[in-house]
Amino acid sequence: MFSLHAFARGAAVAAALSAAMLTAAVFAQDMRPFTDDTGRTVDIPAAPLRIVSLHDLVITVPLLELGVTPIGSHGRTTADGVPFIRSSEVLTGVDFDNSDIAFVGNLPADVEAVAALEPDLILTTPWQSAPLEQLEAIAPTLVLDDSLHQDMGMHEVLADITGTQSRLATLKTRYDGQIAQIKRLIDTNTISVNVIQGVDGQVLSWHTYGALGKVLRDAGFRFPERVDAIPEGDYATMSAEELPALDADFLFATYRTDTLETPDDARKALETVMPGYCDYLHACRENQMIVIPREEASAASYYGLGVLSYMVVANISGRTFVPMPR
């Protein structure tokens, strides 16, 4: 005769055995030493199977591009409390709602939620405030600092950790072809470009603005002297008086689609810096200011690089434009 009690007891035993087998599998893995960005040398699985990522944009998105799906990820939440992986939907097509990736909180991450997933490797960043000593008690934990890995350097580190160097090589080959196409179609070294952003009444400009800056510099475009003077990997906050020094043949500005901003928000932010800002910028006066979503422009993403390469070709190649007076 069927017994619910016996069934429940059997299910509990099966769950316990499954957990024991998982734990045994983790401990049976081959391990290797890895030195993270804090200088800590940690023994990690040679082929990690259950990774928890504690930064969505810096770690989760690159992992997905490398063909590695973490079992859990840090994420953000909408105003309605719905979790999402920032930029991942447009960059990878993967988010919490269409994958088996578990949401483990934002800042700080939920350490108990991380532990419940029984990871064999945890990847975190200096930005993440979940206590390192608590994470280390769960599984081997690496601290990866994206500020130390310019351009697409985090992909290099993550490919090493996950053994996906061949996938990374394919992504690089595709990007090299995209840059070659830009150079074939556009005389880039005769055209000046820059990326600006209005923030709290001031204007920001970067030596190299994320993926967009990488595409522009790799393609050989020229930048204003004021921007070249900014240390590589850094940005400068400037007052409205410096706007003319940031001008170029083509300007780019960005807005956040994950917070439902529109191109008008980017323009309003610049208007706050300087009312009538467009009158002071050659690129804006000549309709040569291009406003694009920040997710693709700033993310460390090979898909983003491809989108931006096409955007540059579509907006500049074969176009009659008004150069800035030299």
Protein backbone atom coordinates (compact mmCIF):
# COMPACT_ATOMS: atom_id res chain seq x y z
CA MET A 1 0.00 0.00 0.00
CA PHE A 2 1.33 3.47 -0.93
CA SER A 3 2.61 5.45 2.07
CA LEU A 4 3.18 9.20 1.90
CA HIS A 5 5.48 8.89 4.90
CA ALA A 6 7.60 6.25 3.20
CA PHE A 7 7.66 8.29 -0.01
CA ALA A 8 8.79 11.41 1.83
CA ARG A 9 11.42 9.45 3.71
CA GLY A 10 12.67 7.95 0.45
CA ALA A 11 12.79 11.38 -1.17
CA ALA A 12 14.78 12.73 1.75
CA VAL A 13 17.24 9.85 1.52
CA ALA A 14 17.59 10.37 -2.23
CA ALA A 15 18.21 14.09 -1.72
CA ALA A 16 20.82 13.37 0.93
CA LEU A 17 22.56 10.84 -1.31
CA SER A 18 22.49 13.31 -4.21
CA ALA A 19 24.04 16.02 -2.04
CA ALA A 20 26.66 13.58 -0.78
CA MET A 21 27.52 12.53 -4.33
CA LEU A 22 27.80 16.19 -5.37
CA THR A 23 30.09 16.95 -2.44
CA ALA A 24 32.21 13.90 -3.21
CA ALA A 25 32.43 14.95 -6.86
CA VAL A 26 33.60 18.41 -5.85
CA PHE A 27 36.27 17.03 -3.54
CA ALA A 28 37.35 14.53 -6.20
CA GLN A 29 38.12 17.29 -8.70
CA ASP A 30 41.65 17.97 -9.80
CA MET A 31 42.82 21.25 -8.27
CA ARG A 32 45.39 23.81 -9.33
CA PRO A 33 46.77 27.00 -7.77
CA PHE A 34 45.55 30.35 -9.10
CA THR A 35 46.74 33.79 -7.99
CA ASP A 36 43.93 36.34 -7.95
CA ASP A 37 44.09 40.13 -8.21
CA THR A 38 44.67 40.58 -4.47
CA GLY A 39 47.80 38.42 -4.63
CA ARG A 40 46.10 35.49 -2.88
CA THR A 41 47.00 32.05 -4.25
CA VAL A 42 43.95 29.80 -4.08
CA ASP A 43 43.54 26.14 -5.01
CA ILE A 44 40.67 26.04 -7.52
CA PRO A 45 39.12 23.22 -9.59
CA ALA A 46 41.03 22.61 -12.80
CA ALA A 47 37.65 22.37 -14.56
CA PRO A 48 35.05 24.14 -12.39
CA LEU A 49 31.49 22.90 -12.85
CA ARG A 50 29.45 24.99 -10.41
CA ILE A 51 30.53 28.63 -10.54
CA VAL A 52 28.80 31.44 -8.67
CA SER A 53 29.50 34.91 -10.08
CA LEU A 54 29.19 37.91 -7.78
CA HIS A 55 29.24 40.63 -10.43
CA ASP A 56 26.76 40.46 -13.29
CA LEU A 57 28.36 42.81 -15.82
CA VAL A 58 32.02 42.17 -15.03
CA ILE A 59 31.93 38.38 -14.56
CA THR A 60 28.60 36.82 -15.55
CA VAL A 61 28.30 38.36 -19.02
CA PRO A 62 31.88 37.43 -20.05
CA LEU A 63 31.37 33.89 -18.70
CA LEU A 64 28.26 33.50 -20.84
CA GLU A 65 30.12 34.78 -23.90
CA LEU A 66 32.78 32.15 -23.24
CA GLY A 67 30.09 29.46 -23.19
CA VAL A 68 30.09 28.99 -19.41
CA THR A 69 26.78 29.27 -17.55
CA PRO A 70 27.21 29.94 -13.82
CA ILE A 71 24.79 28.25 -11.41
CA GLY A 72 24.25 31.55 -9.59
CA SER A 73 24.83 35.22 -10.23
CA HIS A 74 24.70 38.61 -8.62
CA GLY A 75 22.09 40.82 -10.26
CA ARG A 76 20.01 43.97 -10.00
CA THR A 77 16.27 44.38 -9.40
CA THR A 78 13.67 46.49 -11.15
CA ALA A 79 11.43 48.93 -9.28
CA ASP A 80 8.98 46.01 -8.98
CA GLY A 81 11.64 43.79 -7.40
CA VAL A 82 12.23 41.59 -10.45
CA PRO A 83 15.88 40.47 -10.64
CA PHE A 84 17.89 40.82 -13.84
CA ILE A 85 21.48 40.43 -15.02
CA ARG A 86 22.51 43.89 -16.15
CA SER A 87 22.98 44.11 -19.93
CA SER A 88 22.84 40.33 -20.35
CA GLU A 89 19.51 40.19 -22.16
CA VAL A 90 20.78 42.40 -25.00
CA LEU A 91 24.37 41.10 -24.97
CA THR A 92 23.88 37.34 -24.48
CA GLY A 93 20.14 36.64 -24.60
CA VAL A 94 20.40 34.99 -21.17
CA ASP A 95 18.78 36.25 -17.97
CA PHE A 96 17.37 34.79 -14.76
CA ASP A 97 13.92 34.30 -16.26
CA ASN A 98 15.04 32.11 -19.18
CA SER A 99 17.89 30.13 -17.63
CA ASP A 100 18.76 27.98 -14.62
CA ILE A 101 20.98 30.73 -13.17
CA ALA A 102 19.90 31.47 -9.59
CA PHE A 103 19.72 35.06 -8.34
CA VAL A 104 21.95 35.42 -5.26
CA GLY A 105 21.28 39.06 -4.43
CA ASN A 106 22.88 42.38 -5.22
CA LEU A 107 25.08 44.33 -2.81
CA PRO A 108 25.89 42.57 -0.64
CA ALA A 109 25.15 39.22 -2.18
CA ASP A 110 23.16 36.76 -0.07
CA VAL A 111 25.82 34.46 1.38
CA GLU A 112 23.24 31.87 2.43
CA ALA A 113 21.83 31.77 -1.11
CA VAL A 114 25.37 31.25 -2.43
CA ALA A 115 26.01 28.41 0.04
CA ALA A 116 22.71 26.72 -0.86
CA LEU A 117 23.91 26.31 -4.45
CA GLU A 118 26.95 24.28 -3.30
CA PRO A 119 29.39 25.93 -5.72
CA ASP A 120 32.83 24.56 -6.43
CA LEU A 121 34.15 28.05 -7.25
CA ILE A 122 33.07 31.59 -6.33
CA LEU A 123 34.20 34.58 -8.41
CA THR A 124 33.85 37.98 -6.78
CA THR A 125 35.21 41.53 -7.14
CA PRO A 126 36.49 44.26 -4.79
CA TRP A 127 33.17 46.05 -5.46
CA GLN A 128 31.12 43.19 -3.99
CA SER A 129 30.62 43.70 -0.24
CA ALA A 130 29.72 40.13 0.71
CA PRO A 131 32.44 39.21 3.28
CA LEU A 132 35.32 37.34 1.66
CA GLU A 133 35.91 35.17 4.73
CA GLN A 134 32.31 33.93 4.57
CA LEU A 135 32.59 33.16 0.87
CA GLU A 136 35.89 31.31 1.39
CA ALA A 137 34.16 29.09 3.95
CA ILE A 138 31.76 27.93 1.22
CA ALA A 139 34.11 27.26 -1.70
CA PRO A 140 37.41 28.41 -3.23
CA THR A 141 36.97 32.12 -3.92
CA LEU A 142 38.85 34.38 -6.33
CA VAL A 143 38.77 38.18 -6.20
CA LEU A 144 38.99 39.61 -9.73
CA ASP A 145 39.50 43.35 -10.20
CA ASP A 146 38.34 44.49 -13.63
CA SER A 147 40.11 47.84 -13.21
CA LEU A 148 43.40 45.93 -13.52
CA HIS A 149 42.36 44.28 -16.79
CA GLN A 150 41.79 46.91 -19.43
CA ASP A 151 39.82 46.41 -22.64
CA MET A 152 38.67 42.80 -22.68
CA GLY A 153 41.17 41.55 -20.12
CA MET A 154 38.56 39.92 -17.89
CA HIS A 155 37.74 37.54 -20.73
CA GLU A 156 41.40 36.46 -20.73
CA VAL A 157 41.34 35.77 -16.98
CA LEU A 158 38.02 33.96 -17.07
CA ALA A 159 39.06 31.87 -20.07
CA ASP A 160 42.13 30.76 -18.09
CA ILE A 161 39.98 29.87 -15.07
CA THR A 162 37.41 27.94 -17.11
CA GLY A 163 39.60 26.43 -19.83
CA THR A 164 37.75 28.20 -22.65
CA GLN A 165 40.74 29.71 -24.47
CA SER A 166 39.66 28.23 -27.82
CA ARG A 167 36.28 29.96 -27.60
CA LEU A 168 38.04 33.23 -26.74
CA ALA A 169 40.32 32.84 -29.75
CA THR A 170 37.25 32.60 -32.00
CA LEU A 171 35.76 35.74 -30.49
CA LYS A 172 39.04 37.60 -31.02
CA THR A 173 39.30 36.51 -34.65
CA ARG A 174 35.80 37.80 -35.34
CA TYR A 175 36.60 41.14 -33.72
CA ASP A 176 39.84 41.49 -35.69
CA GLY A 177 37.79 41.07 -38.86
CA GLN A 178 35.35 43.75 -37.74
CA ILE A 179 38.15 46.25 -37.09
CA ALA A 180 39.75 45.44 -40.44
CA GLN A 181 36.43 46.21 -42.12
CA ILE A 182 36.20 49.63 -40.44
CA LYS A 183 39.72 50.50 -41.56
CA ARG A 184 38.95 49.41 -45.12
CA LEU A 185 35.84 51.55 -45.37
CA ILE A 186 36.84 54.64 -43.36
CA ASP A 187 40.00 56.77 -43.43
CA THR A 188 40.01 56.70 -39.64
CA ASN A 189 43.29 58.51 -38.97
CA THR A 190 41.86 61.68 -40.54
CA ILE A 191 38.70 61.71 -38.39
CA SER A 192 38.46 62.81 -34.76
CA VAL A 193 35.98 61.25 -32.31
CA ASN A 194 35.14 61.42 -28.62
CA VAL A 195 32.66 60.10 -26.05
CA ILE A 196 31.12 62.52 -23.54
CA GLN A 197 28.52 62.22 -20.83
CA GLY A 198 26.74 64.75 -18.64
CA VAL A 199 26.65 63.79 -14.94
CA ASP A 200 25.38 66.02 -12.13
CA GLY A 201 26.03 69.22 -14.03
CA GLN A 202 29.54 68.27 -15.16
CA VAL A 203 30.85 66.62 -18.28
CA LEU A 204 32.80 63.34 -18.20
CA SER A 205 35.17 62.06 -20.83
CA TRP A 206 37.27 58.89 -20.85
CA HIS A 207 40.64 58.04 -22.31
CA THR A 208 38.91 54.91 -23.62
CA TYR A 209 35.19 54.55 -22.96
CA GLY A 210 34.47 50.85 -22.54
CA ALA A 211 33.80 48.75 -25.62
CA LEU A 212 33.00 51.84 -27.70
CA GLY A 213 36.32 53.46 -26.86
CA LYS A 214 38.16 50.23 -27.67
CA VAL A 215 36.54 50.00 -31.11
CA LEU A 216 37.33 53.64 -31.88
CA ARG A 217 40.96 53.43 -30.75
CA ASP A 218 41.61 50.01 -32.31
CA ALA A 219 40.20 51.32 -35.60
CA GLY A 220 42.67 54.23 -35.55
CA PHE A 221 40.39 57.24 -35.04
CA ARG A 222 41.94 60.40 -33.58
CA PHE A 223 40.90 61.83 -30.21
CA PRO A 224 41.11 65.40 -28.84
CA GLU A 225 44.41 66.24 -27.13
CA ARG A 226 42.54 66.82 -23.86
CA VAL A 227 41.27 63.24 -23.97
CA ASP A 228 44.61 61.69 -24.96
CA ALA A 229 46.08 63.41 -21.91
CA ILE A 230 43.77 61.47 -19.59
CA PRO A 231 45.67 58.46 -18.16
CA GLU A 232 44.81 55.18 -19.86
CA GLY A 233 42.01 53.41 -18.03
CA ASP A 234 40.85 56.64 -16.38
CA TYR A 235 38.37 59.45 -16.98
CA ALA A 236 38.17 63.15 -16.18
CA THR A 237 35.33 65.23 -14.76
CA MET A 238 35.25 68.72 -16.23
CA SER A 239 33.22 71.89 -16.07
CA ALA A 240 31.18 73.36 -18.92
CA GLU A 241 34.07 75.65 -19.91
CA GLU A 242 36.03 72.63 -21.15
CA LEU A 243 33.33 71.43 -23.56
CA PRO A 244 35.06 72.92 -26.64
CA ALA A 245 38.25 70.98 -25.77
CA LEU A 246 36.24 67.76 -25.94
CA ASP A 247 34.73 68.45 -29.36
CA ALA A 248 35.45 66.29 -32.42
CA ASP A 249 34.25 65.53 -35.94
CA PHE A 250 31.94 62.93 -34.39
CA LEU A 251 30.78 62.81 -30.77
CA PHE A 252 29.12 59.91 -29.01
CA ALA A 253 26.87 60.09 -25.94
CA THR A 254 25.13 57.23 -24.12
CA TYR A 255 22.03 56.52 -22.07
CA ARG A 256 20.99 53.60 -19.83
CA THR A 257 18.34 51.36 -21.32
CA ASP A 258 18.23 49.13 -18.22
CA THR A 259 16.72 52.06 -16.29
CA LEU A 260 14.40 52.89 -19.19
CA GLU A 261 16.28 56.02 -20.26
CA THR A 262 16.00 57.32 -23.84
CA PRO A 263 18.30 59.41 -26.07
CA ASP A 264 16.57 62.51 -24.70
CA ASP A 265 17.97 61.71 -21.25
CA ALA A 266 21.52 61.86 -22.60
CA ARG A 267 20.80 65.22 -24.23
CA LYS A 268 19.10 66.58 -21.09
CA ALA A 269 22.14 65.62 -19.02
CA LEU A 270 24.36 67.64 -21.36
CA GLU A 271 21.87 70.52 -21.31
CA THR A 272 22.26 70.57 -17.52
CA VAL A 273 26.02 70.93 -17.98
CA MET A 274 25.59 73.87 -20.34
CA PRO A 275 22.23 75.26 -21.47
CA GLY A 276 22.40 75.41 -25.26
CA TYR A 277 25.41 73.04 -25.21
CA CYS A 278 24.80 72.08 -28.84
CA ASP A 279 25.77 75.59 -29.97
CA TYR A 280 29.24 75.10 -28.47
CA LEU A 281 29.98 71.71 -30.05
CA HIS A 282 30.81 71.38 -33.75
CA ALA A 283 29.67 67.75 -33.89
CA CYS A 284 26.31 68.60 -32.38
CA ARG A 285 25.72 71.66 -34.59
CA GLU A 286 26.44 69.60 -37.70
CA ASN A 287 24.25 66.67 -36.63
CA GLN A 288 27.35 64.54 -36.08
CA MET A 289 26.63 63.60 -32.47
CA ILE A 290 25.53 59.97 -32.20
CA VAL A 291 23.52 58.92 -29.12
CA ILE A 292 23.48 55.18 -28.37
CA PRO A 293 22.54 52.74 -25.55
CA ARG A 294 25.13 52.52 -22.79
CA GLU A 295 24.76 48.77 -22.28
CA GLU A 296 26.41 47.88 -25.58
CA ALA A 297 28.76 50.88 -25.46
CA SER A 298 30.27 50.34 -22.02
CA ALA A 299 30.11 46.58 -21.37
CA ALA A 300 33.13 44.31 -21.71
CA SER A 301 31.42 42.17 -24.35
CA TYR A 302 32.53 40.75 -27.68
CA TYR A 303 28.95 40.91 -28.89
CA GLY A 304 28.98 44.58 -27.90
CA LEU A 305 32.19 45.13 -29.86
CA GLY A 306 30.53 43.68 -32.96
CA VAL A 307 27.42 45.84 -32.57
CA LEU A 308 29.56 48.94 -32.10
CA SER A 309 31.76 48.11 -35.09
CA TYR A 310 28.68 47.90 -37.28
CA MET A 311 27.32 51.13 -35.75
CA VAL A 312 30.55 52.96 -36.65
CA VAL A 313 30.45 51.67 -40.24
CA ALA A 314 26.74 52.52 -40.60
CA ASN A 315 27.11 56.07 -39.23
CA ILE A 316 30.44 57.19 -40.68
CA SER A 317 31.43 55.20 -43.78
CA GLY A 318 30.48 56.75 -47.10
CA ARG A 319 28.98 59.76 -45.34
CA THR A 320 29.52 63.36 -46.32
CA PHE A 321 30.25 65.22 -43.10
CA VAL A 322 31.62 68.57 -41.99
CA PRO A 323 35.11 68.25 -40.46
CA MET A 324 36.04 70.41 -37.51
CA PRO A 325 38.23 73.40 -38.37
CA ARG A 326 41.81 72.36 -37.69
